[in-house]
Amino acid sequence: MTFRLPLRPWILTLFVAPSAVACSHVCLEVPQSERGEFLAARPEEGGYVIGVGDEFQVEVWENAQLTRTVRVRPDGKVTFPLVSEIDAAGLTVPALQERMTKALKSFLKDPVVSITVTGFSTKQIFIQGAVGNPAAYNYTGDMYLLQALTLAGGPTPFADGCAVVVRRKGEAFLRYSLALEPLLSSQNLSENIRLQPGDVVTVR
């Protein structure tokens, strides 16, 4: 699975200055199986907690008329047909699916509910290491690695030229490592991976 994002010329200019990244450093080796699992992990798996302002699509199997995208209100609830409103903030996606399924059982026979997070409100990613401005940054949805590096001021002249992204999946942590130079010089944009809330990017 690869993710691509069109690059503006000024982004490339910012990142491919000759002294920006060293090219000789050997990056951390992450097994291909772990890299694949990292890319396949979805925000709603495991520990992702829904918050106020988040948006998600609700689908009820064999009831297409109920499919819709809802936003969590400031009071932590969402409005949905048949059940009127239901508490959502503070729940993981599996927990909310279970709650909505239980509520819909009063109106439907054996409802099967599927929820997919489509928009994030106040979630963050964390960028640390050899970047200009290491910090936590708000996740704005459809956020890619190059965009995150831009927010953090890009690699410093002392960077070894590697990045490691750590992502939580339930109780486990997955890693994705890459050499920065091919990405930043636009030689390998397949490494411009899509980030998720809670991801930690370390530039070395």
C-alpha atoms as a PDB file:
ATOM      1  CA  MET A   1       0.000   0.000   0.000  1.00  0.00           C
ATOM      2  CA  THR A   2       1.436   3.349  -0.989  1.00  0.00           C
ATOM      3  CA  PHE A   3       0.236   6.901  -0.552  1.00  0.00           C
ATOM      4  CA  ARG A   4       1.153   9.791  -2.803  1.00  0.00           C
ATOM      5  CA  LEU A   5       0.888  13.524  -2.300  1.00  0.00           C
ATOM      6  CA  PRO A   6       1.661  16.141  -4.944  1.00  0.00           C
ATOM      7  CA  LEU A   7       4.707  18.187  -3.963  1.00  0.00           C
ATOM      8  CA  ARG A   8       5.035  21.923  -4.335  1.00  0.00           C
ATOM      9  CA  PRO A   9       8.434  23.092  -5.671  1.00  0.00           C
ATOM     10  CA  TRP A  10       9.170  25.056  -2.506  1.00  0.00           C
ATOM     11  CA  ILE A  11       8.873  21.897  -0.419  1.00  0.00           C
ATOM     12  CA  LEU A  12      11.530  20.183  -2.503  1.00  0.00           C
ATOM     13  CA  THR A  13      13.746  23.266  -2.301  1.00  0.00           C
ATOM     14  CA  LEU A  14      13.400  23.265   1.465  1.00  0.00           C
ATOM     15  CA  PHE A  15      14.384  19.642   1.846  1.00  0.00           C
ATOM     16  CA  VAL A  16      17.017  18.803  -0.725  1.00  0.00           C
ATOM     17  CA  ALA A  17      19.644  21.389   0.162  1.00  0.00           C
ATOM     18  CA  PRO A  18      23.038  19.628  -0.059  1.00  0.00           C
ATOM     19  CA  SER A  19      23.727  19.857   3.653  1.00  0.00           C
ATOM     20  CA  ALA A  20      20.231  18.929   4.774  1.00  0.00           C
ATOM     21  CA  VAL A  21      20.659  15.202   5.118  1.00  0.00           C
ATOM     22  CA  ALA A  22      23.532  12.792   5.144  1.00  0.00           C
ATOM     23  CA  CYS A  23      23.179   9.820   2.802  1.00  0.00           C
ATOM     24  CA  SER A  24      25.669   7.294   4.129  1.00  0.00           C
ATOM     25  CA  HIS A  25      23.923   6.326   7.365  1.00  0.00           C
ATOM     26  CA  VAL A  26      22.416   2.825   7.564  1.00  0.00           C
ATOM     27  CA  CYS A  27      18.834   3.125   8.776  1.00  0.00           C
ATOM     28  CA  LEU A  28      17.083   0.868  11.257  1.00  0.00           C
ATOM     29  CA  GLU A  29      15.974  -2.350   9.568  1.00  0.00           C
ATOM     30  CA  VAL A  30      12.317  -3.161  10.164  1.00  0.00           C
ATOM     31  CA  PRO A  31      10.994  -6.535   8.923  1.00  0.00           C
ATOM     32  CA  GLN A  32       8.885  -6.257   5.775  1.00  0.00           C
ATOM     33  CA  SER A  33       6.013  -7.985   7.561  1.00  0.00           C
ATOM     34  CA  GLU A  34       5.979  -5.282  10.242  1.00  0.00           C
ATOM     35  CA  ARG A  35       6.125  -2.533   7.604  1.00  0.00           C
ATOM     36  CA  GLY A  36       3.137  -4.100   5.859  1.00  0.00           C
ATOM     37  CA  GLU A  37       1.178  -4.386   9.097  1.00  0.00           C
ATOM     38  CA  PHE A  38       2.042  -0.754   9.879  1.00  0.00           C
ATOM     39  CA  LEU A  39       0.582   0.449   6.562  1.00  0.00           C
ATOM     40  CA  ALA A  40      -2.516  -1.728   6.931  1.00  0.00           C
ATOM     41  CA  ALA A  41      -3.345  -0.550  10.469  1.00  0.00           C
ATOM     42  CA  ARG A  42      -6.463   1.621  10.602  1.00  0.00           C
ATOM     43  CA  PRO A  43      -7.167   4.398  13.143  1.00  0.00           C
ATOM     44  CA  GLU A  44     -10.177   2.565  14.534  1.00  0.00           C
ATOM     45  CA  GLU A  45      -8.178  -0.530  15.523  1.00  0.00           C
ATOM     46  CA  GLY A  46      -7.304  -1.070  19.148  1.00  0.00           C
ATOM     47  CA  GLY A  47      -6.785   2.010  21.261  1.00  0.00           C
ATOM     48  CA  TYR A  48      -8.096   4.888  19.107  1.00  0.00           C
ATOM     49  CA  VAL A  49     -10.542   6.906  21.216  1.00  0.00           C
ATOM     50  CA  ILE A  50     -13.270   9.020  19.620  1.00  0.00           C
ATOM     51  CA  GLY A  51     -13.362  12.652  20.720  1.00  0.00           C
ATOM     52  CA  VAL A  52     -15.549  15.736  20.377  1.00  0.00           C
ATOM     53  CA  GLY A  53     -15.505  17.034  16.804  1.00  0.00           C
ATOM     54  CA  ASP A  54     -14.480  13.715  15.242  1.00  0.00           C
ATOM     55  CA  GLU A  55     -16.437  12.524  12.217  1.00  0.00           C
ATOM     56  CA  PHE A  56     -17.212   8.941  11.304  1.00  0.00           C
ATOM     57  CA  GLN A  57     -19.326   7.032   8.830  1.00  0.00           C
ATOM     58  CA  VAL A  58     -21.916   4.630  10.200  1.00  0.00           C
ATOM     59  CA  GLU A  59     -23.141   1.740   8.052  1.00  0.00           C
ATOM     60  CA  VAL A  60     -25.838  -0.721   9.078  1.00  0.00           C
ATOM     61  CA  TRP A  61     -25.769  -3.926   7.056  1.00  0.00           C
ATOM     62  CA  GLU A  62     -28.833  -4.398   4.818  1.00  0.00           C
ATOM     63  CA  ASN A  63     -30.115  -0.960   5.861  1.00  0.00           C
ATOM     64  CA  ALA A  64     -28.454   1.379   3.377  1.00  0.00           C
ATOM     65  CA  GLN A  65     -30.910   4.169   4.182  1.00  0.00           C
ATOM     66  CA  LEU A  66     -29.244   4.500   7.592  1.00  0.00           C
ATOM     67  CA  THR A  67     -25.726   4.996   6.205  1.00  0.00           C
ATOM     68  CA  ARG A  68     -24.446   8.479   6.976  1.00  0.00           C
ATOM     69  CA  THR A  69     -21.523  10.513   8.299  1.00  0.00           C
ATOM     70  CA  VAL A  70     -21.986  12.008  11.759  1.00  0.00           C
ATOM     71  CA  ARG A  71     -19.957  14.415  13.885  1.00  0.00           C
ATOM     72  CA  VAL A  72     -19.499  14.163  17.653  1.00  0.00           C
ATOM     73  CA  ARG A  73     -21.240  17.150  19.255  1.00  0.00           C
ATOM     74  CA  PRO A  74     -19.700  19.286  22.031  1.00  0.00           C
ATOM     75  CA  ASP A  75     -21.735  17.266  24.559  1.00  0.00           C
ATOM     76  CA  GLY A  76     -20.047  14.067  23.341  1.00  0.00           C
ATOM     77  CA  LYS A  77     -23.142  12.666  21.638  1.00  0.00           C
ATOM     78  CA  VAL A  78     -24.054  11.931  18.015  1.00  0.00           C
ATOM     79  CA  THR A  79     -27.477  12.095  16.408  1.00  0.00           C
ATOM     80  CA  PHE A  80     -28.603   8.982  14.543  1.00  0.00           C
ATOM     81  CA  PRO A  81     -31.923   7.741  13.126  1.00  0.00           C
ATOM     82  CA  LEU A  82     -34.104   5.496  15.292  1.00  0.00           C
ATOM     83  CA  VAL A  83     -31.954   5.861  18.418  1.00  0.00           C
ATOM     84  CA  SER A  84     -32.152   9.691  18.375  1.00  0.00           C
ATOM     85  CA  GLU A  85     -28.804  10.305  20.090  1.00  0.00           C
ATOM     86  CA  ILE A  86     -26.057   8.224  21.627  1.00  0.00           C
ATOM     87  CA  ASP A  87     -22.907   8.893  23.680  1.00  0.00           C
ATOM     88  CA  ALA A  88     -19.768   8.541  21.538  1.00  0.00           C
ATOM     89  CA  ALA A  89     -16.897  10.600  22.982  1.00  0.00           C
ATOM     90  CA  GLY A  90     -14.442   8.590  25.067  1.00  0.00           C
ATOM     91  CA  LEU A  91     -15.206   5.275  23.367  1.00  0.00           C
ATOM     92  CA  THR A  92     -13.023   3.242  21.046  1.00  0.00           C
ATOM     93  CA  VAL A  93     -14.596   2.441  17.686  1.00  0.00           C
ATOM     94  CA  PRO A  94     -15.289  -1.215  18.595  1.00  0.00           C
ATOM     95  CA  ALA A  95     -16.958  -0.060  21.827  1.00  0.00           C
ATOM     96  CA  LEU A  96     -19.129   2.460  19.972  1.00  0.00           C
ATOM     97  CA  GLN A  97     -20.088  -0.163  17.371  1.00  0.00           C
ATOM     98  CA  GLU A  98     -21.197  -2.424  20.204  1.00  0.00           C
ATOM     99  CA  ARG A  99     -23.182   0.394  21.850  1.00  0.00           C
ATOM    100  CA  MET A 100     -24.943   1.373  18.610  1.00  0.00           C
ATOM    101  CA  THR A 101     -25.680  -2.261  17.796  1.00  0.00           C
ATOM    102  CA  LYS A 102     -27.318  -2.720  21.192  1.00  0.00           C
ATOM    103  CA  ALA A 103     -29.380   0.468  20.779  1.00  0.00           C
ATOM    104  CA  LEU A 104     -30.570  -0.506  17.290  1.00  0.00           C
ATOM    105  CA  LYS A 105     -31.721  -3.952  18.438  1.00  0.00           C
ATOM    106  CA  SER A 106     -34.881  -2.284  19.739  1.00  0.00           C
ATOM    107  CA  PHE A 107     -35.763  -1.359  16.143  1.00  0.00           C
ATOM    108  CA  LEU A 108     -33.969  -3.840  13.848  1.00  0.00           C
ATOM    109  CA  LYS A 109     -33.432  -7.589  13.835  1.00  0.00           C
ATOM    110  CA  ASP A 110     -29.784  -8.548  14.365  1.00  0.00           C
ATOM    111  CA  PRO A 111     -28.272  -5.224  13.227  1.00  0.00           C
ATOM    112  CA  VAL A 112     -24.638  -5.245  12.097  1.00  0.00           C
ATOM    113  CA  VAL A 113     -22.982  -1.854  12.565  1.00  0.00           C
ATOM    114  CA  SER A 114     -19.729  -0.743  10.940  1.00  0.00           C
ATOM    115  CA  ILE A 115     -18.005   2.536  11.852  1.00  0.00           C
ATOM    116  CA  THR A 116     -15.127   4.153   9.962  1.00  0.00           C
ATOM    117  CA  VAL A 117     -13.411   7.296  11.259  1.00  0.00           C
ATOM    118  CA  THR A 118     -13.300   9.909   8.466  1.00  0.00           C
ATOM    119  CA  GLY A 119     -12.282  13.110  10.254  1.00  0.00           C
ATOM    120  CA  PHE A 120     -10.240  13.968  13.330  1.00  0.00           C
ATOM    121  CA  SER A 121     -10.619  16.984  15.600  1.00  0.00           C
ATOM    122  CA  THR A 122      -7.943  17.583  18.232  1.00  0.00           C
ATOM    123  CA  LYS A 123      -5.693  14.590  17.673  1.00  0.00           C
ATOM    124  CA  GLN A 124      -1.936  15.071  17.374  1.00  0.00           C
ATOM    125  CA  ILE A 125       1.202  13.604  15.869  1.00  0.00           C
ATOM    126  CA  PHE A 126       4.623  13.942  17.471  1.00  0.00           C
ATOM    127  CA  ILE A 127       7.808  14.858  15.603  1.00  0.00           C
ATOM    128  CA  GLN A 128      11.128  14.628  17.409  1.00  0.00           C
ATOM    129  CA  GLY A 129      14.838  14.224  16.838  1.00  0.00           C
ATOM    130  CA  ALA A 130      16.949  16.079  14.274  1.00  0.00           C
ATOM    131  CA  VAL A 131      14.311  18.495  12.946  1.00  0.00           C
ATOM    132  CA  GLY A 132      14.085  22.265  13.135  1.00  0.00           C
ATOM    133  CA  ASN A 133      11.047  22.415  15.435  1.00  0.00           C
ATOM    134  CA  PRO A 134      10.405  19.166  17.313  1.00  0.00           C
ATOM    135  CA  ALA A 135       6.921  19.315  18.856  1.00  0.00           C
ATOM    136  CA  ALA A 136       3.400  17.915  18.926  1.00  0.00           C
ATOM    137  CA  TYR A 137       1.323  19.025  15.926  1.00  0.00           C
ATOM    138  CA  ASN A 138      -2.432  18.887  15.430  1.00  0.00           C
ATOM    139  CA  TYR A 139      -3.563  16.151  13.080  1.00  0.00           C
ATOM    140  CA  THR A 140      -5.724  17.685  10.373  1.00  0.00           C
ATOM    141  CA  GLY A 141      -6.732  14.575   8.424  1.00  0.00           C
ATOM    142  CA  ASP A 142      -5.057  13.079   5.340  1.00  0.00           C
ATOM    143  CA  MET A 143      -1.674  14.053   6.775  1.00  0.00           C
ATOM    144  CA  TYR A 144       1.424  12.677   5.061  1.00  0.00           C
ATOM    145  CA  LEU A 145       5.037  12.343   6.168  1.00  0.00           C
ATOM    146  CA  LEU A 146       6.359  15.153   3.946  1.00  0.00           C
ATOM    147  CA  GLN A 147       3.697  17.489   5.281  1.00  0.00           C
ATOM    148  CA  ALA A 148       4.675  16.624   8.853  1.00  0.00           C
ATOM    149  CA  LEU A 149       8.364  17.187   8.148  1.00  0.00           C
ATOM    150  CA  THR A 150       7.506  20.565   6.642  1.00  0.00           C
ATOM    151  CA  LEU A 151       5.620  21.564   9.797  1.00  0.00           C
ATOM    152  CA  ALA A 152       8.642  20.582  11.885  1.00  0.00           C
ATOM    153  CA  GLY A 153      11.062  22.669   9.826  1.00  0.00           C
ATOM    154  CA  GLY A 154      12.666  19.755   7.986  1.00  0.00           C
ATOM    155  CA  PRO A 155      15.760  17.737   8.938  1.00  0.00           C
ATOM    156  CA  THR A 156      18.656  19.642  10.461  1.00  0.00           C
ATOM    157  CA  PRO A 157      22.143  19.644   8.869  1.00  0.00           C
ATOM    158  CA  PHE A 158      23.138  17.136  11.555  1.00  0.00           C
ATOM    159  CA  ALA A 159      20.504  14.537  10.629  1.00  0.00           C
ATOM    160  CA  ASP A 160      21.826  11.114   9.592  1.00  0.00           C
ATOM    161  CA  GLY A 161      19.126  10.872   6.940  1.00  0.00           C
ATOM    162  CA  CYS A 162      16.739   8.362   8.497  1.00  0.00           C
ATOM    163  CA  ALA A 163      13.234   8.492   9.954  1.00  0.00           C
ATOM    164  CA  VAL A 164      11.334   6.011  12.090  1.00  0.00           C
ATOM    165  CA  VAL A 165       7.563   6.252  12.540  1.00  0.00           C
ATOM    166  CA  VAL A 166       6.043   4.417  15.508  1.00  0.00           C
ATOM    167  CA  ARG A 167       2.321   3.628  15.484  1.00  0.00           C
ATOM    168  CA  ARG A 168       0.217   2.072  18.211  1.00  0.00           C
ATOM    169  CA  LYS A 169      -2.090  -0.826  17.369  1.00  0.00           C
ATOM    170  CA  GLY A 170      -4.019  -1.952  20.421  1.00  0.00           C
ATOM    171  CA  GLU A 171      -1.426  -2.883  23.036  1.00  0.00           C
ATOM    172  CA  ALA A 172       1.372  -3.263  20.478  1.00  0.00           C
ATOM    173  CA  PHE A 173       3.588  -0.783  18.657  1.00  0.00           C
ATOM    174  CA  LEU A 174       4.514  -1.000  14.972  1.00  0.00           C
ATOM    175  CA  ARG A 175       7.515   0.637  13.286  1.00  0.00           C
ATOM    176  CA  TYR A 176       8.189   1.947   9.803  1.00  0.00           C
ATOM    177  CA  SER A 177      11.695   3.101   8.893  1.00  0.00           C
ATOM    178  CA  LEU A 178      12.949   4.840   5.770  1.00  0.00           C
ATOM    179  CA  ALA A 179      15.889   6.713   4.309  1.00  0.00           C
ATOM    180  CA  LEU A 180      14.906  10.353   3.852  1.00  0.00           C
ATOM    181  CA  GLU A 181      17.038  11.378   0.882  1.00  0.00           C
ATOM    182  CA  PRO A 182      15.126   9.374  -1.795  1.00  0.00           C
ATOM    183  CA  LEU A 183      11.838  10.709  -0.418  1.00  0.00           C
ATOM    184  CA  LEU A 184      12.891  14.322  -0.047  1.00  0.00           C
ATOM    185  CA  SER A 185      14.468  14.418  -3.509  1.00  0.00           C
ATOM    186  CA  SER A 186      11.259  12.978  -5.027  1.00  0.00           C
ATOM    187  CA  GLN A 187      13.010   9.766  -6.140  1.00  0.00           C
ATOM    188  CA  ASN A 188      10.782   7.509  -4.025  1.00  0.00           C
ATOM    189  CA  LEU A 189       7.436   9.109  -3.217  1.00  0.00           C
ATOM    190  CA  SER A 190       5.981   5.718  -2.309  1.00  0.00           C
ATOM    191  CA  GLU A 191       7.595   6.321   1.102  1.00  0.00           C
ATOM    192  CA  ASN A 192       5.425   9.406   1.634  1.00  0.00           C
ATOM    193  CA  ILE A 193       3.234   7.422   3.990  1.00  0.00           C
ATOM    194  CA  ARG A 194      -0.056   8.644   5.371  1.00  0.00           C
ATOM    195  CA  LEU A 195       0.167   9.372   9.087  1.00  0.00           C
ATOM    196  CA  GLN A 196      -2.426   8.689  11.758  1.00  0.00           C
ATOM    197  CA  PRO A 197      -3.233  10.437  15.055  1.00  0.00           C
ATOM    198  CA  GLY A 198      -0.764   9.455  17.761  1.00  0.00           C
ATOM    199  CA  ASP A 199       2.054   8.574  15.348  1.00  0.00           C
ATOM    200  CA  VAL A 200       5.538   9.445  16.595  1.00  0.00           C
ATOM    201  CA  VAL A 201       8.055  10.468  13.919  1.00  0.00           C
ATOM    202  CA  THR A 202      11.725  10.413  14.928  1.00  0.00           C
ATOM    203  CA  VAL A 203      14.303  11.872  12.539  1.00  0.00           C
ATOM    204  CA  ARG A 204      17.870  10.692  13.090  1.00  0.00           C
END
